[in-house]
Amino acid sequence: MESFSLEEELNNTDNWEYCNEGNNNIVLRYIGRDPILQKKILRIRKNTNHMFYNDDCLIPEKEYNSLFVDKVLKVDPEMNKFLQDMEFVELTTEFMKKIEKKVHH
């Protein structure tokens, strides 16, 4: 059985393919071989709305995401069928630069 470093797998742009995007986020699908990451997606916030993200009146992002999942997604029976666990992960600056080039080539 192959051994994978989760950090290496997360930060390898060859393991991710473009899935979709909206105004604030881009979504990538994992296509690597690590069984832990199979069927996972990576949602990356775009940095085009600096003014919005730096507003002191807003709830911090991690808290907002938890509230959104708990108070919106989990209470909707239809959405709850598709919801998986969310986890914050750290990505390297190098990964972010490479994935931007890969997606916007």
PDB file of N, CA and C in Angstrom:
ATOM      1  N   MET A   1       0.840  -1.186   0.000  1.00  0.00           N
ATOM      2  CA  MET A   1       0.000   0.000   0.000  1.00  0.00           C
ATOM      3  C   MET A   1       0.887   1.252   0.000  1.00  0.00           C
ATOM      4  N   GLU A   2       0.527   2.227  -0.836  1.00  0.00           N
ATOM      5  CA  GLU A   2       1.317   3.453  -0.935  1.00  0.00           C
ATOM      6  C   GLU A   2       1.112   4.329   0.291  1.00  0.00           C
ATOM      7  N   SER A   3       2.144   5.072   0.629  1.00  0.00           N
ATOM      8  CA  SER A   3       2.071   6.009   1.743  1.00  0.00           C
ATOM      9  C   SER A   3       2.004   7.425   1.182  1.00  0.00           C
ATOM     10  N   PHE A   4       1.070   8.209   1.703  1.00  0.00           N
ATOM     11  CA  PHE A   4       0.876   9.571   1.228  1.00  0.00           C
ATOM     12  C   PHE A   4       1.065  10.544   2.375  1.00  0.00           C
ATOM     13  N   SER A   5       1.666  11.682   2.084  1.00  0.00           N
ATOM     14  CA  SER A   5       1.710  12.785   3.031  1.00  0.00           C
ATOM     15  C   SER A   5       0.524  13.678   2.699  1.00  0.00           C
ATOM     16  N   LEU A   6      -0.350  13.870   3.663  1.00  0.00           N
ATOM     17  CA  LEU A   6      -1.549  14.668   3.419  1.00  0.00           C
ATOM     18  C   LEU A   6      -1.182  16.075   2.956  1.00  0.00           C
ATOM     19  N   GLU A   7      -0.195  16.676   3.576  1.00  0.00           N
ATOM     20  CA  GLU A   7       0.234  18.018   3.186  1.00  0.00           C
ATOM     21  C   GLU A   7       0.724  18.043   1.734  1.00  0.00           C
ATOM     22  N   GLU A   8       1.497  17.047   1.361  1.00  0.00           N
ATOM     23  CA  GLU A   8       1.992  16.972  -0.020  1.00  0.00           C
ATOM     24  C   GLU A   8       0.849  16.769  -1.009  1.00  0.00           C
ATOM     25  N   GLU A   9      -0.085  15.905  -0.651  1.00  0.00           N
ATOM     26  CA  GLU A   9      -1.232  15.648  -1.527  1.00  0.00           C
ATOM     27  C   GLU A   9      -2.085  16.905  -1.703  1.00  0.00           C
ATOM     28  N   LEU A  10      -2.322  17.620  -0.608  1.00  0.00           N
ATOM     29  CA  LEU A  10      -3.125  18.843  -0.680  1.00  0.00           C
ATOM     30  C   LEU A  10      -2.458  19.906  -1.543  1.00  0.00           C
ATOM     31  N   ASN A  11      -1.152  20.008  -1.461  1.00  0.00           N
ATOM     32  CA  ASN A  11      -0.427  21.081  -2.132  1.00  0.00           C
ATOM     33  C   ASN A  11       0.146  20.690  -3.492  1.00  0.00           C
ATOM     34  N   ASN A  12      -0.259  19.548  -4.016  1.00  0.00           N
ATOM     35  CA  ASN A  12       0.168  19.114  -5.344  1.00  0.00           C
ATOM     36  C   ASN A  12      -0.929  19.482  -6.338  1.00  0.00           C
ATOM     37  N   THR A  13      -0.654  20.467  -7.195  1.00  0.00           N
ATOM     38  CA  THR A  13      -1.686  20.938  -8.125  1.00  0.00           C
ATOM     39  C   THR A  13      -2.116  19.871  -9.130  1.00  0.00           C
ATOM     40  N   ASP A  14      -1.282  18.872  -9.349  1.00  0.00           N
ATOM     41  CA  ASP A  14      -1.677  17.784 -10.254  1.00  0.00           C
ATOM     42  C   ASP A  14      -2.815  16.950  -9.681  1.00  0.00           C
ATOM     43  N   ASN A  15      -3.043  17.054  -8.375  1.00  0.00           N
ATOM     44  CA  ASN A  15      -4.093  16.273  -7.718  1.00  0.00           C
ATOM     45  C   ASN A  15      -5.452  16.962  -7.727  1.00  0.00           C
ATOM     46  N   TRP A  16      -5.534  18.145  -8.316  1.00  0.00           N
ATOM     47  CA  TRP A  16      -6.780  18.911  -8.287  1.00  0.00           C
ATOM     48  C   TRP A  16      -7.165  19.355  -9.687  1.00  0.00           C
ATOM     49  N   GLU A  17      -8.469  19.275  -9.974  1.00  0.00           N
ATOM     50  CA  GLU A  17      -8.956  19.789 -11.243  1.00  0.00           C
ATOM     51  C   GLU A  17     -10.104  20.752 -10.979  1.00  0.00           C
ATOM     52  N   TYR A  18     -10.232  21.688 -11.887  1.00  0.00           N
ATOM     53  CA  TYR A  18     -11.281  22.698 -11.796  1.00  0.00           C
ATOM     54  C   TYR A  18     -12.649  22.021 -11.806  1.00  0.00           C
ATOM     55  N   CYS A  19     -13.515  22.474 -10.925  1.00  0.00           N
ATOM     56  CA  CYS A  19     -14.864  21.928 -10.859  1.00  0.00           C
ATOM     57  C   CYS A  19     -15.889  23.016 -11.185  1.00  0.00           C
ATOM     58  N   ASN A  20     -15.807  24.143 -10.460  1.00  0.00           N
ATOM     59  CA  ASN A  20     -16.790  25.213 -10.653  1.00  0.00           C
ATOM     60  C   ASN A  20     -16.310  26.453  -9.918  1.00  0.00           C
ATOM     61  N   GLU A  21     -17.003  27.562 -10.124  1.00  0.00           N
ATOM     62  CA  GLU A  21     -16.684  28.771  -9.369  1.00  0.00           C
ATOM     63  C   GLU A  21     -17.877  29.705  -9.358  1.00  0.00           C
ATOM     64  N   GLY A  22     -17.843  30.604  -8.384  1.00  0.00           N
ATOM     65  CA  GLY A  22     -18.847  31.650  -8.267  1.00  0.00           C
ATOM     66  C   GLY A  22     -18.142  32.979  -8.097  1.00  0.00           C
ATOM     67  N   ASN A  23     -18.858  33.956  -7.588  1.00  0.00           N
ATOM     68  CA  ASN A  23     -18.261  35.284  -7.408  1.00  0.00           C
ATOM     69  C   ASN A  23     -17.146  35.291  -6.374  1.00  0.00           C
ATOM     70  N   ASN A  24     -17.262  34.488  -5.329  1.00  0.00           N
ATOM     71  CA  ASN A  24     -16.318  34.555  -4.216  1.00  0.00           C
ATOM     72  C   ASN A  24     -15.430  33.337  -4.043  1.00  0.00           C
ATOM     73  N   ASN A  25     -15.759  32.221  -4.675  1.00  0.00           N
ATOM     74  CA  ASN A  25     -15.001  30.993  -4.452  1.00  0.00           C
ATOM     75  C   ASN A  25     -14.755  30.249  -5.752  1.00  0.00           C
ATOM     76  N   ILE A  26     -13.705  29.469  -5.744  1.00  0.00           N
ATOM     77  CA  ILE A  26     -13.440  28.525  -6.827  1.00  0.00           C
ATOM     78  C   ILE A  26     -13.411  27.137  -6.182  1.00  0.00           C
ATOM     79  N   VAL A  27     -13.963  26.160  -6.877  1.00  0.00           N
ATOM     80  CA  VAL A  27     -14.056  24.808  -6.322  1.00  0.00           C
ATOM     81  C   VAL A  27     -13.234  23.863  -7.195  1.00  0.00           C
ATOM     82  N   LEU A  28     -12.374  23.103  -6.533  1.00  0.00           N
ATOM     83  CA  LEU A  28     -11.530  22.116  -7.196  1.00  0.00           C
ATOM     84  C   LEU A  28     -11.923  20.724  -6.716  1.00  0.00           C
ATOM     85  N   ARG A  29     -11.805  19.752  -7.577  1.00  0.00           N
ATOM     86  CA  ARG A  29     -12.118  18.350  -7.266  1.00  0.00           C
ATOM     87  C   ARG A  29     -10.806  17.583  -7.144  1.00  0.00           C
ATOM     88  N   TYR A  30     -10.697  16.768  -6.103  1.00  0.00           N
ATOM     89  CA  TYR A  30      -9.493  15.950  -5.909  1.00  0.00           C
ATOM     90  C   TYR A  30      -9.504  14.788  -6.889  1.00  0.00           C
ATOM     91  N   ILE A  31      -8.383  14.604  -7.600  1.00  0.00           N
ATOM     92  CA  ILE A  31      -8.271  13.507  -8.566  1.00  0.00           C
ATOM     93  C   ILE A  31      -7.036  12.647  -8.295  1.00  0.00           C
ATOM     94  N   GLY A  32      -6.419  12.853  -7.130  1.00  0.00           N
ATOM     95  CA  GLY A  32      -5.235  12.084  -6.762  1.00  0.00           C
ATOM     96  C   GLY A  32      -5.601  10.687  -6.283  1.00  0.00           C
ATOM     97  N   ARG A  33      -4.614   9.994  -5.703  1.00  0.00           N
ATOM     98  CA  ARG A  33      -4.803   8.593  -5.308  1.00  0.00           C
ATOM     99  C   ARG A  33      -4.922   8.360  -3.811  1.00  0.00           C
ATOM    100  N   ASP A  34      -4.874   9.410  -3.006  1.00  0.00           N
ATOM    101  CA  ASP A  34      -4.977   9.235  -1.556  1.00  0.00           C
ATOM    102  C   ASP A  34      -6.420   8.900  -1.187  1.00  0.00           C
ATOM    103  N   PRO A  35      -6.654   7.727  -0.591  1.00  0.00           N
ATOM    104  CA  PRO A  35      -8.033   7.326  -0.272  1.00  0.00           C
ATOM    105  C   PRO A  35      -8.724   8.277   0.717  1.00  0.00           C
ATOM    106  N   ILE A  36      -7.954   8.958   1.546  1.00  0.00           N
ATOM    107  CA  ILE A  36      -8.551   9.894   2.511  1.00  0.00           C
ATOM    108  C   ILE A  36      -9.168  11.091   1.793  1.00  0.00           C
ATOM    109  N   LEU A  37      -8.578  11.497   0.687  1.00  0.00           N
ATOM    110  CA  LEU A  37      -9.054  12.679  -0.035  1.00  0.00           C
ATOM    111  C   LEU A  37     -10.006  12.362  -1.185  1.00  0.00           C
ATOM    112  N   GLN A  38     -10.209  11.077  -1.475  1.00  0.00           N
ATOM    113  CA  GLN A  38     -11.122  10.717  -2.547  1.00  0.00           C
ATOM    114  C   GLN A  38     -12.503  11.317  -2.277  1.00  0.00           C
ATOM    115  N   LYS A  39     -13.142  11.801  -3.308  1.00  0.00           N
ATOM    116  CA  LYS A  39     -14.473  12.413  -3.259  1.00  0.00           C
ATOM    117  C   LYS A  39     -14.486  13.717  -2.473  1.00  0.00           C
ATOM    118  N   LYS A  40     -13.333  14.346  -2.307  1.00  0.00           N
ATOM    119  CA  LYS A  40     -13.256  15.631  -1.597  1.00  0.00           C
ATOM    120  C   LYS A  40     -13.156  16.765  -2.608  1.00  0.00           C
ATOM    121  N   ILE A  41     -13.618  17.915  -2.172  1.00  0.00           N
ATOM    122  CA  ILE A  41     -13.460  19.129  -2.954  1.00  0.00           C
ATOM    123  C   ILE A  41     -12.694  20.140  -2.125  1.00  0.00           C
ATOM    124  N   LEU A  42     -12.137  21.105  -2.807  1.00  0.00           N
ATOM    125  CA  LEU A  42     -11.398  22.168  -2.159  1.00  0.00           C
ATOM    126  C   LEU A  42     -12.044  23.473  -2.589  1.00  0.00           C
ATOM    127  N   ARG A  43     -12.551  24.219  -1.628  1.00  0.00           N
ATOM    128  CA  ARG A  43     -13.165  25.518  -1.922  1.00  0.00           C
ATOM    129  C   ARG A  43     -12.165  26.589  -1.523  1.00  0.00           C
ATOM    130  N   ILE A  44     -11.756  27.374  -2.494  1.00  0.00           N
ATOM    131  CA  ILE A  44     -10.768  28.420  -2.248  1.00  0.00           C
ATOM    132  C   ILE A  44     -11.438  29.772  -2.467  1.00  0.00           C
ATOM    133  N   ARG A  45     -11.322  30.633  -1.485  1.00  0.00           N
ATOM    134  CA  ARG A  45     -11.894  31.968  -1.596  1.00  0.00           C
ATOM    135  C   ARG A  45     -11.055  32.799  -2.556  1.00  0.00           C
ATOM    136  N   LYS A  46     -11.730  33.469  -3.465  1.00  0.00           N
ATOM    137  CA  LYS A  46     -11.041  34.398  -4.362  1.00  0.00           C
ATOM    138  C   LYS A  46     -10.663  35.635  -3.566  1.00  0.00           C
ATOM    139  N   ASN A  47      -9.619  36.289  -3.966  1.00  0.00           N
ATOM    140  CA  ASN A  47      -9.195  37.476  -3.221  1.00  0.00           C
ATOM    141  C   ASN A  47      -9.594  38.770  -3.923  1.00  0.00           C
ATOM    142  N   THR A  48     -10.663  38.726  -4.689  1.00  0.00           N
ATOM    143  CA  THR A  48     -11.078  39.900  -5.459  1.00  0.00           C
ATOM    144  C   THR A  48     -11.992  40.842  -4.683  1.00  0.00           C
ATOM    145  N   ASN A  49     -12.463  40.430  -3.531  1.00  0.00           N
ATOM    146  CA  ASN A  49     -13.388  41.264  -2.743  1.00  0.00           C
ATOM    147  C   ASN A  49     -12.758  41.677  -1.424  1.00  0.00           C
ATOM    148  N   HIS A  50     -11.571  42.268  -1.480  1.00  0.00           N
ATOM    149  CA  HIS A  50     -10.842  42.630  -0.265  1.00  0.00           C
ATOM    150  C   HIS A  50     -11.671  43.489   0.684  1.00  0.00           C
ATOM    151  N   MET A  51     -12.401  44.449   0.160  1.00  0.00           N
ATOM    152  CA  MET A  51     -13.170  45.347   1.013  1.00  0.00           C
ATOM    153  C   MET A  51     -14.202  44.559   1.819  1.00  0.00           C
ATOM    154  N   PHE A  52     -14.865  43.618   1.157  1.00  0.00           N
ATOM    155  CA  PHE A  52     -15.884  42.815   1.822  1.00  0.00           C
ATOM    156  C   PHE A  52     -15.264  41.933   2.903  1.00  0.00           C
ATOM    157  N   TYR A  53     -14.144  41.298   2.606  1.00  0.00           N
ATOM    158  CA  TYR A  53     -13.546  40.364   3.547  1.00  0.00           C
ATOM    159  C   TYR A  53     -12.898  41.043   4.747  1.00  0.00           C
ATOM    160  N   ASN A  54     -12.537  42.296   4.605  1.00  0.00           N
ATOM    161  CA  ASN A  54     -11.861  43.006   5.694  1.00  0.00           C
ATOM    162  C   ASN A  54     -12.787  43.883   6.520  1.00  0.00           C
ATOM    163  N   ASP A  55     -14.073  43.741   6.344  1.00  0.00           N
ATOM    164  CA  ASP A  55     -15.052  44.539   7.078  1.00  0.00           C
ATOM    165  C   ASP A  55     -15.114  44.047   8.528  1.00  0.00           C
ATOM    166  N   ASP A  56     -14.793  44.932   9.481  1.00  0.00           N
ATOM    167  CA  ASP A  56     -14.785  44.562  10.905  1.00  0.00           C
ATOM    168  C   ASP A  56     -16.174  44.210  11.434  1.00  0.00           C
ATOM    169  N   CYS A  57     -17.219  44.595  10.718  1.00  0.00           N
ATOM    170  CA  CYS A  57     -18.586  44.308  11.165  1.00  0.00           C
ATOM    171  C   CYS A  57     -19.001  42.872  10.868  1.00  0.00           C
ATOM    172  N   LEU A  58     -18.238  42.179  10.033  1.00  0.00           N
ATOM    173  CA  LEU A  58     -18.602  40.821   9.648  1.00  0.00           C
ATOM    174  C   LEU A  58     -18.100  39.798  10.658  1.00  0.00           C
ATOM    175  N   ILE A  59     -18.793  38.689  10.720  1.00  0.00           N
ATOM    176  CA  ILE A  59     -18.377  37.566  11.560  1.00  0.00           C
ATOM    177  C   ILE A  59     -17.105  36.983  10.943  1.00  0.00           C
ATOM    178  N   PRO A  60     -16.111  36.612  11.752  1.00  0.00           N
ATOM    179  CA  PRO A  60     -14.896  35.985  11.199  1.00  0.00           C
ATOM    180  C   PRO A  60     -15.243  34.777  10.331  1.00  0.00           C
ATOM    181  N   GLU A  61     -14.441  34.552   9.298  1.00  0.00           N
ATOM    182  CA  GLU A  61     -14.750  33.529   8.296  1.00  0.00           C
ATOM    183  C   GLU A  61     -14.988  32.141   8.878  1.00  0.00           C
ATOM    184  N   LYS A  62     -14.113  31.672   9.751  1.00  0.00           N
ATOM    185  CA  LYS A  62     -14.277  30.319  10.299  1.00  0.00           C
ATOM    186  C   LYS A  62     -15.584  30.195  11.077  1.00  0.00           C
ATOM    187  N   GLU A  63     -15.901  31.212  11.852  1.00  0.00           N
ATOM    188  CA  GLU A  63     -17.148  31.197  12.616  1.00  0.00           C
ATOM    189  C   GLU A  63     -18.346  31.252  11.675  1.00  0.00           C
ATOM    190  N   TYR A  64     -18.255  32.096  10.651  1.00  0.00           N
ATOM    191  CA  TYR A  64     -19.341  32.209   9.672  1.00  0.00           C
ATOM    192  C   TYR A  64     -19.585  30.868   8.985  1.00  0.00           C
ATOM    193  N   ASN A  65     -18.517  30.220   8.544  1.00  0.00           N
ATOM    194  CA  ASN A  65     -18.675  28.940   7.858  1.00  0.00           C
ATOM    195  C   ASN A  65     -19.350  27.909   8.746  1.00  0.00           C
ATOM    196  N   SER A  66     -18.960  27.851  10.015  1.00  0.00           N
ATOM    197  CA  SER A  66     -19.584  26.906  10.949  1.00  0.00           C
ATOM    198  C   SER A  66     -21.059  27.227  11.136  1.00  0.00           C
ATOM    199  N   LEU A  67     -21.371  28.493  11.309  1.00  0.00           N
ATOM    200  CA  LEU A  67     -22.769  28.906  11.468  1.00  0.00           C
ATOM    201  C   LEU A  67     -23.580  28.585  10.218  1.00  0.00           C
ATOM    202  N   PHE A  68     -23.019  28.856   9.052  1.00  0.00           N
ATOM    203  CA  PHE A  68     -23.714  28.587   7.797  1.00  0.00           C
ATOM    204  C   PHE A  68     -24.035  27.098   7.671  1.00  0.00           C
ATOM    205  N   VAL A  69     -23.071  26.268   7.971  1.00  0.00           N
ATOM    206  CA  VAL A  69     -23.294  24.821   7.886  1.00  0.00           C
ATOM    207  C   VAL A  69     -24.347  24.389   8.900  1.00  0.00           C
ATOM    208  N   ASP A  70     -24.210  24.817  10.160  1.00  0.00           N
ATOM    209  CA  ASP A  70     -25.106  24.380  11.223  1.00  0.00           C
ATOM    210  C   ASP A  70     -26.522  24.940  11.090  1.00  0.00           C
ATOM    211  N   LYS A  71     -26.628  26.212  10.699  1.00  0.00           N
ATOM    212  CA  LYS A  71     -27.936  26.890  10.707  1.00  0.00           C
ATOM    213  C   LYS A  71     -28.636  26.914   9.352  1.00  0.00           C
ATOM    214  N   VAL A  72     -27.917  26.620   8.279  1.00  0.00           N
ATOM    215  CA  VAL A  72     -28.539  26.659   6.956  1.00  0.00           C
ATOM    216  C   VAL A  72     -28.516  25.273   6.305  1.00  0.00           C
ATOM    217  N   LEU A  73     -27.339  24.738   6.112  1.00  0.00           N
ATOM    218  CA  LEU A  73     -27.234  23.487   5.367  1.00  0.00           C
ATOM    219  C   LEU A  73     -27.764  22.276   6.131  1.00  0.00           C
ATOM    220  N   LYS A  74     -27.419  22.161   7.398  1.00  0.00           N
ATOM    221  CA  LYS A  74     -27.815  20.963   8.154  1.00  0.00           C
ATOM    222  C   LYS A  74     -29.301  20.928   8.478  1.00  0.00           C
ATOM    223  N   VAL A  75     -29.957  22.073   8.500  1.00  0.00           N
ATOM    224  CA  VAL A  75     -31.390  22.077   8.814  1.00  0.00           C
ATOM    225  C   VAL A  75     -32.245  21.822   7.579  1.00  0.00           C
ATOM    226  N   ASP A  76     -31.678  21.946   6.410  1.00  0.00           N
ATOM    227  CA  ASP A  76     -32.395  21.682   5.166  1.00  0.00           C
ATOM    228  C   ASP A  76     -32.238  20.197   4.832  1.00  0.00           C
ATOM    229  N   PRO A  77     -33.327  19.433   4.874  1.00  0.00           N
ATOM    230  CA  PRO A  77     -33.215  17.984   4.654  1.00  0.00           C
ATOM    231  C   PRO A  77     -32.617  17.613   3.298  1.00  0.00           C
ATOM    232  N   GLU A  78     -32.905  18.389   2.268  1.00  0.00           N
ATOM    233  CA  GLU A  78     -32.352  18.094   0.945  1.00  0.00           C
ATOM    234  C   GLU A  78     -30.852  18.375   0.893  1.00  0.00           C
ATOM    235  N   MET A  79     -30.422  19.524   1.413  1.00  0.00           N
ATOM    236  CA  MET A  79     -29.009  19.868   1.415  1.00  0.00           C
ATOM    237  C   MET A  79     -28.212  18.929   2.315  1.00  0.00           C
ATOM    238  N   ASN A  80     -28.803  18.531   3.409  1.00  0.00           N
ATOM    239  CA  ASN A  80     -28.129  17.663   4.371  1.00  0.00           C
ATOM    240  C   ASN A  80     -27.740  16.316   3.747  1.00  0.00           C
ATOM    241  N   LYS A  81     -28.459  15.876   2.729  1.00  0.00           N
ATOM    242  CA  LYS A  81     -28.137  14.613   2.061  1.00  0.00           C
ATOM    243  C   LYS A  81     -26.761  14.671   1.392  1.00  0.00           C
ATOM    244  N   PHE A  82     -26.365  15.862   0.967  1.00  0.00           N
ATOM    245  CA  PHE A  82     -25.139  16.013   0.189  1.00  0.00           C
ATOM    246  C   PHE A  82     -23.976  16.590   0.985  1.00  0.00           C
ATOM    247  N   LEU A  83     -24.249  17.009   2.200  1.00  0.00           N
ATOM    248  CA  LEU A  83     -23.236  17.681   3.003  1.00  0.00           C
ATOM    249  C   LEU A  83     -22.237  16.685   3.584  1.00  0.00           C
ATOM    250  N   GLN A  84     -20.963  17.023   3.429  1.00  0.00           N
ATOM    251  CA  GLN A  84     -19.906  16.253   4.053  1.00  0.00           C
ATOM    252  C   GLN A  84     -19.255  17.129   5.105  1.00  0.00           C
ATOM    253  N   ASP A  85     -18.403  16.535   5.889  1.00  0.00           N
ATOM    254  CA  ASP A  85     -17.680  17.307   6.894  1.00  0.00           C
ATOM    255  C   ASP A  85     -16.822  18.370   6.225  1.00  0.00           C
ATOM    256  N   MET A  86     -16.736  19.519   6.884  1.00  0.00           N
ATOM    257  CA  MET A  86     -15.871  20.593   6.406  1.00  0.00           C
ATOM    258  C   MET A  86     -14.651  20.669   7.306  1.00  0.00           C
ATOM    259  N   GLU A  87     -13.536  20.971   6.707  1.00  0.00           N
ATOM    260  CA  GLU A  87     -12.295  21.089   7.469  1.00  0.00           C
ATOM    261  C   GLU A  87     -11.449  22.182   6.824  1.00  0.00           C
ATOM    262  N   PHE A  88     -10.883  23.033   7.648  1.00  0.00           N
ATOM    263  CA  PHE A  88      -9.987  24.060   7.146  1.00  0.00           C
ATOM    264  C   PHE A  88      -8.607  23.449   6.963  1.00  0.00           C
ATOM    265  N   VAL A  89      -8.005  23.719   5.821  1.00  0.00           N
ATOM    266  CA  VAL A  89      -6.666  23.218   5.541  1.00  0.00           C
ATOM    267  C   VAL A  89      -5.782  24.389   5.115  1.00  0.00           C
ATOM    268  N   GLU A  90      -4.498  24.244   5.381  1.00  0.00           N
ATOM    269  CA  GLU A  90      -3.551  25.272   4.958  1.00  0.00           C
ATOM    270  C   GLU A  90      -2.912  24.849   3.654  1.00  0.00           C
ATOM    271  N   LEU A  91      -2.856  25.806   2.744  1.00  0.00           N
ATOM    272  CA  LEU A  91      -2.233  25.572   1.455  1.00  0.00           C
ATOM    273  C   LEU A  91      -1.030  26.493   1.325  1.00  0.00           C
ATOM    274  N   THR A  92      -0.033  26.044   0.602  1.00  0.00           N
ATOM    275  CA  THR A  92       1.162  26.853   0.449  1.00  0.00           C
ATOM    276  C   THR A  92       0.922  27.964  -0.570  1.00  0.00           C
ATOM    277  N   THR A  93       1.712  29.012  -0.450  1.00  0.00           N
ATOM    278  CA  THR A  93       1.652  30.113  -1.414  1.00  0.00           C
ATOM    279  C   THR A  93       1.998  29.591  -2.807  1.00  0.00           C
ATOM    280  N   GLU A  94       2.958  28.687  -2.867  1.00  0.00           N
ATOM    281  CA  GLU A  94       3.354  28.094  -4.150  1.00  0.00           C
ATOM    282  C   GLU A  94       2.169  27.379  -4.804  1.00  0.00           C
ATOM    283  N   PHE A  95       1.397  26.625  -4.005  1.00  0.00           N
ATOM    284  CA  PHE A  95       0.210  25.938  -4.525  1.00  0.00           C
ATOM    285  C   PHE A  95      -0.768  26.952  -5.091  1.00  0.00           C
ATOM    286  N   MET A  96      -1.018  28.014  -4.350  1.00  0.00           N
ATOM    287  CA  MET A  96      -1.989  29.016  -4.788  1.00  0.00           C
ATOM    288  C   MET A  96      -1.570  29.652  -6.117  1.00  0.00           C
ATOM    289  N   LYS A  97      -0.299  29.952  -6.264  1.00  0.00           N
ATOM    290  CA  LYS A  97       0.197  30.539  -7.512  1.00  0.00           C
ATOM    291  C   LYS A  97       0.059  29.557  -8.674  1.00  0.00           C
ATOM    292  N   LYS A  98       0.414  28.297  -8.432  1.00  0.00           N
ATOM    293  CA  LYS A  98       0.351  27.284  -9.493  1.00  0.00           C
ATOM    294  C   LYS A  98      -1.093  26.980  -9.887  1.00  0.00           C
ATOM    295  N   ILE A  99      -1.975  26.910  -8.893  1.00  0.00           N
ATOM    296  CA  ILE A  99      -3.366  26.562  -9.203  1.00  0.00           C
ATOM    297  C   ILE A  99      -4.027  27.720  -9.955  1.00  0.00           C
ATOM    298  N   GLU A 100      -3.649  28.939  -9.645  1.00  0.00           N
ATOM    299  CA  GLU A 100      -4.197  30.090 -10.370  1.00  0.00           C
ATOM    300  C   GLU A 100      -3.804  30.010 -11.853  1.00  0.00           C
ATOM    301  N   LYS A 101      -2.548  29.679 -12.107  1.00  0.00           N
ATOM    302  CA  LYS A 101      -2.091  29.534 -13.505  1.00  0.00           C
ATOM    303  C   LYS A 101      -2.792  28.379 -14.189  1.00  0.00           C
ATOM    304  N   LYS A 102      -2.968  27.291 -13.458  1.00  0.00           N
ATOM    305  CA  LYS A 102      -3.598  26.087 -14.034  1.00  0.00           C
ATOM    306  C   LYS A 102      -5.057  26.374 -14.396  1.00  0.00           C
ATOM    307  N   VAL A 103      -5.752  27.072 -13.547  1.00  0.00           N
ATOM    308  CA  VAL A 103      -7.176  27.329 -13.756  1.00  0.00           C
ATOM    309  C   VAL A 103      -7.411  28.421 -14.799  1.00  0.00           C
ATOM    310  N   HIS A 104      -6.563  29.427 -14.794  1.00  0.00           N
ATOM    311  CA  HIS A 104      -6.784  30.573 -15.673  1.00  0.00           C
ATOM    312  C   HIS A 104      -5.829  30.613 -16.858  1.00  0.00           C
ATOM    313  N   HIS A 105      -5.442  29.455 -17.386  1.00  0.00           N
ATOM    314  CA  HIS A 105      -4.520  29.422 -18.528  1.00  0.00           C
ATOM    315  C   HIS A 105      -5.204  29.757 -19.830  1.00  0.00           C
TER     316      HIS A 105
END
